[in-house]
Amino acid sequence: MTTNPELLSHHGTISLKIDLLHEDVSEMKSVLKELTIAINRLAVVEERQAQTSSALERVFGQLENITTRLGLLELQAVTSKQTSNWVSMTVWGAATAFVTVVLAKIWLLK
């Protein structure tokens, strides 16, 4: 069997190119695995961000309800304080009238 140096050289070049191509494909597979991991992590982050956003919306809704309720309670407190003052003044007025009547009767009995 005769060996042609040019054919051997060509065969060696093809073999080298195939080896280099194999290395490139292996690197691409490795990079694709890393990209898959990164995309999965990104999906988890996006899901958590969506859950956080939803939770924030619920919190702000509850805060709005609490603010409304607080406003109503503050109005009731003012009204309650006014009513309490009126009741207190009425009681003092009635007590003063009672004491005045009692003192007037004592004064008249003398």
Protein backbone atom coordinates (compact mmCIF):
# COMPACT_ATOMS: atom_id res chain seq x y z
CA MET A 1 0.00 0.00 0.00
CA THR A 2 1.35 3.28 -1.05
CA THR A 3 0.94 6.31 1.10
CA ASN A 4 0.53 9.60 -0.51
CA PRO A 5 1.97 12.35 1.71
CA GLU A 6 -0.54 14.84 0.40
CA LEU A 7 -3.44 12.50 1.25
CA LEU A 8 -2.03 11.89 4.74
CA SER A 9 -1.67 15.60 5.26
CA HIS A 10 -5.24 16.18 4.09
CA HIS A 11 -6.49 13.36 6.34
CA GLY A 12 -4.60 14.85 9.31
CA THR A 13 -6.12 18.27 8.64
CA ILE A 14 -9.63 16.82 8.47
CA SER A 15 -9.03 14.87 11.67
CA LEU A 16 -7.77 18.01 13.41
CA LYS A 17 -10.76 19.99 12.19
CA ILE A 18 -13.16 17.28 13.42
CA ASP A 19 -11.44 17.29 16.82
CA LEU A 20 -11.71 21.09 17.02
CA LEU A 21 -15.35 20.90 15.97
CA HIS A 22 -15.98 18.27 18.65
CA GLU A 23 -14.41 20.57 21.28
CA ASP A 24 -16.57 23.47 20.09
CA VAL A 25 -19.73 21.35 20.29
CA SER A 26 -18.76 20.21 23.80
CA GLU A 27 -18.23 23.85 24.84
CA MET A 28 -21.59 24.79 23.33
CA LYS A 29 -23.29 22.00 25.29
CA SER A 30 -21.66 23.24 28.46
CA VAL A 31 -22.75 26.81 27.78
CA LEU A 32 -26.28 25.63 26.99
CA LYS A 33 -26.43 23.83 30.34
CA GLU A 34 -25.31 27.01 32.12
CA LEU A 35 -27.89 29.04 30.19
CA THR A 36 -30.61 26.56 31.15
CA ILE A 37 -29.67 26.90 34.81
CA ALA A 38 -29.64 30.70 34.53
CA ILE A 39 -33.04 30.78 32.79
CA ASN A 40 -34.53 28.50 35.45
CA ARG A 41 -33.18 30.78 38.19
CA LEU A 42 -34.58 33.80 36.38
CA ALA A 43 -37.98 32.11 36.17
CA VAL A 44 -37.90 31.49 39.94
CA VAL A 45 -36.96 35.13 40.58
CA GLU A 46 -39.77 36.35 38.31
CA GLU A 47 -42.27 34.08 40.08
CA ARG A 48 -41.18 35.36 43.48
CA GLN A 49 -41.35 38.93 42.23
CA ALA A 50 -44.91 38.34 40.99
CA GLN A 51 -45.86 36.86 44.38
CA THR A 52 -44.30 39.85 46.15
CA SER A 53 -46.15 42.25 43.88
CA SER A 54 -49.43 40.47 44.58
CA ALA A 55 -48.77 40.55 48.32
CA LEU A 56 -47.98 44.27 48.15
CA GLU A 57 -51.27 44.92 46.34
CA ARG A 58 -53.15 43.06 49.09
CA VAL A 59 -51.28 44.99 51.79
CA PHE A 60 -52.02 48.35 50.19
CA GLY A 61 -55.68 47.37 49.83
CA GLN A 62 -55.83 46.46 53.51
CA LEU A 63 -54.01 49.67 54.41
CA GLU A 64 -56.60 51.66 52.49
CA ASN A 65 -59.40 49.87 54.38
CA ILE A 66 -57.67 50.50 57.71
CA THR A 67 -57.19 54.17 56.85
CA THR A 68 -60.89 54.49 56.04
CA ARG A 69 -61.87 52.74 59.28
CA LEU A 70 -59.47 54.93 61.27
CA GLY A 71 -61.02 58.05 59.78
CA LEU A 72 -64.48 56.85 60.81
CA LEU A 73 -63.26 56.02 64.31
CA GLU A 74 -61.69 59.46 64.65
CA LEU A 75 -65.00 61.07 63.67
CA GLN A 76 -66.82 58.87 66.18
CA ALA A 77 -64.29 59.83 68.86
CA VAL A 78 -64.97 63.53 68.28
CA THR A 79 -68.72 62.95 68.38
CA SER A 80 -68.34 60.76 71.47
CA LYS A 81 -66.27 63.42 73.21
CA GLN A 82 -68.87 66.08 72.40
CA THR A 83 -71.65 63.81 73.67
CA SER A 84 -69.65 63.05 76.79
CA ASN A 85 -69.18 66.77 77.40
CA TRP A 86 -72.91 67.39 76.93
CA VAL A 87 -73.82 64.57 79.31
CA SER A 88 -71.29 65.81 81.83
CA MET A 89 -72.65 69.38 81.62
CA THR A 90 -76.21 68.06 81.96
CA VAL A 91 -75.29 66.03 85.05
CA TRP A 92 -73.54 69.03 86.60
CA GLY A 93 -76.47 71.26 85.71
CA ALA A 94 -78.92 68.80 87.27
CA ALA A 95 -76.72 68.48 90.37
CA THR A 96 -76.49 72.25 90.65
CA ALA A 97 -80.26 72.58 90.26
CA PHE A 98 -80.79 69.87 92.91
CA VAL A 99 -78.41 71.53 95.35
CA THR A 100 -80.05 74.90 94.67
CA VAL A 101 -83.52 73.45 95.35
CA VAL A 102 -82.33 71.72 98.52
CA LEU A 103 -80.60 74.89 99.75
CA ALA A 104 -83.70 76.97 98.91
CA LYS A 105 -85.94 74.63 100.91
CA ILE A 106 -83.52 74.66 103.84
CA TRP A 107 -83.41 78.45 103.68
CA LEU A 108 -87.18 78.68 103.57
CA LEU A 109 -87.59 76.30 106.51
CA LYS A 110 -85.56 78.50 108.78
